[in-house]
Each structure stands twice: as C-alpha cells, then as structure tokens.
Protein backbone atom coordinates (compact mmCIF):
# COMPACT_ATOMS: atom_id res chain seq x y z
CA MET A 1 8.19 -83.18 54.55
CA LEU A 2 7.83 -82.96 50.78
CA ASN A 3 11.40 -84.09 50.09
CA ASP A 4 10.90 -87.20 52.21
CA TRP A 5 7.63 -87.99 50.46
CA MET A 6 9.13 -87.78 46.97
CA VAL A 7 12.01 -90.09 47.85
CA LEU A 8 10.07 -92.50 50.04
CA THR A 9 7.27 -93.10 47.53
CA THR A 10 9.91 -94.23 45.03
CA ILE A 11 11.79 -96.40 47.52
CA ASN A 12 8.70 -97.92 49.16
CA ALA A 13 6.74 -98.74 46.00
CA PRO A 14 7.83 -102.40 45.79
CA ARG A 15 8.40 -102.95 49.53
CA ARG A 16 6.25 -104.90 51.94
CA THR A 17 7.47 -102.93 54.97
CA ALA A 18 7.76 -99.20 54.42
CA LEU A 19 10.99 -97.38 55.15
CA THR A 20 10.85 -94.06 56.98
CA GLY A 21 12.90 -90.96 56.28
CA ASP A 22 14.71 -91.58 59.55
CA GLY A 23 15.60 -95.10 58.40
CA LEU A 24 16.99 -93.84 55.11
CA GLU A 25 18.91 -91.11 56.89
CA PHE A 26 20.45 -93.71 59.22
CA SER A 27 21.52 -95.82 56.24
CA LEU A 28 23.12 -92.84 54.54
CA ARG A 29 24.97 -91.70 57.65
CA ASN A 30 26.10 -95.18 58.75
CA PRO A 31 27.12 -97.04 55.60
CA SER A 32 27.83 -100.52 56.90
CA VAL A 33 26.50 -103.59 55.15
CA ASP A 34 25.62 -105.08 58.53
CA THR A 35 23.42 -102.21 59.74
CA VAL A 36 21.76 -100.59 56.72
CA ASP A 37 18.94 -101.37 54.34
CA THR A 38 21.02 -101.95 51.21
CA MET A 39 17.98 -102.22 48.95
CA ALA A 40 16.73 -98.83 50.16
CA LEU A 41 20.10 -97.26 49.41
CA GLN A 42 20.15 -98.87 45.99
CA ALA A 43 16.67 -97.49 45.22
CA PHE A 44 17.65 -94.05 46.53
CA PHE A 45 20.75 -93.80 44.35
CA TYR A 46 19.44 -95.67 41.29
CA GLU A 47 15.74 -94.82 41.05
CA CYS A 48 15.38 -91.34 42.57
CA ASP A 49 16.28 -88.40 40.37
CA LEU A 50 19.03 -86.00 41.36
CA GLY A 51 16.63 -83.28 42.47
CA ALA A 52 14.81 -85.61 44.85
CA GLN A 53 18.11 -86.93 46.21
CA LEU A 54 19.53 -83.45 46.81
CA GLY A 55 16.25 -82.25 48.33
CA PHE A 56 16.23 -85.16 50.77
CA LEU A 57 19.86 -84.61 51.70
CA GLN A 58 19.37 -80.87 52.18
CA GLY A 59 16.17 -81.35 54.18
CA ARG A 60 17.95 -83.76 56.51
CA ASN A 61 21.21 -81.76 56.67
CA ILE A 62 23.19 -84.63 55.22
CA PRO A 63 26.32 -83.48 53.36
CA VAL A 64 26.49 -84.78 49.80
CA GLU A 65 29.93 -86.19 50.60
CA VAL A 66 28.33 -88.42 53.25
CA ALA A 67 25.85 -89.72 50.69
CA LEU A 68 28.64 -90.31 48.17
CA SER A 69 30.48 -92.34 50.79
CA ALA A 70 27.42 -94.56 51.26
CA LEU A 71 27.05 -94.85 47.49
CA ASP A 72 30.69 -95.85 47.05
CA SER A 73 30.83 -98.34 49.91
CA ILE A 74 27.40 -100.01 49.71
CA VAL A 75 25.77 -99.55 46.29
CA ARG A 76 28.43 -98.93 43.65
CA PRO A 77 30.21 -102.32 44.10
CA GLY A 78 27.05 -104.10 42.87
CA PHE A 79 26.94 -102.20 39.57
CA PRO A 80 29.13 -102.48 36.48
CA LYS A 81 32.42 -100.61 36.65
CA GLY A 82 32.02 -97.08 35.37
CA TYR A 83 28.23 -96.94 35.91
CA ARG A 84 27.17 -93.33 36.57
CA PHE A 85 24.52 -92.60 39.18
CA PRO A 86 22.56 -89.32 39.23
CA LEU A 87 24.57 -88.12 42.24
CA ASP A 88 27.78 -88.55 40.24
CA SER A 89 26.63 -85.53 38.19
CA TRP A 90 26.72 -83.40 41.33
CA SER A 91 30.19 -84.56 42.31
CA ALA A 92 31.52 -83.82 38.83
CA ALA A 93 30.32 -80.21 38.92
C-alpha cells in the first residue's frame, strides 16, 4: 500500500528492526505506554507530513480522533508545552 510505504520509510529509516503497517496501526489504536512502540509513534507524528499521516489513517480506516488520542497520551507529553504537530492543523480546521 502506497500510504504505508510513505510512512514506514520515514519511521524505519533509523531503526534496526523494521516496523510494519500493522504494528503502527496497533500503536495508534491502543495508546498505552506499556504496549506500543513509542518511538514509532513519535516518528509518525513528528517526522511524517500531514498528507502521509492522513493517507495512512484513511487507508487503515483509523479515525483521526483515534490518532489524536494516541498523540495526546503518548507523544505530546514529551514535547514542549504548546508544540504543534502536523496533525494539529487538521484538528484546528
């Protein structure tokens, strides 16, 4: 799937063990620090552009609100207060 490829090449570039689209989908749908790949989520929200993020979410039938929940609970706490991620642009529209 093209959307998976665009996202996964960005996320997997510095990784020793590659993450699959299914693994990223699991992390987005089950945002718990104990069960997800937090570095993959950070790369997804920080390094992937909005178009790639939305394409992945749409291709996997993941509601944007589910992704925002994962962003808020797992990734956002590690960034400075007020930092804006690409997906924040979608939620502001």
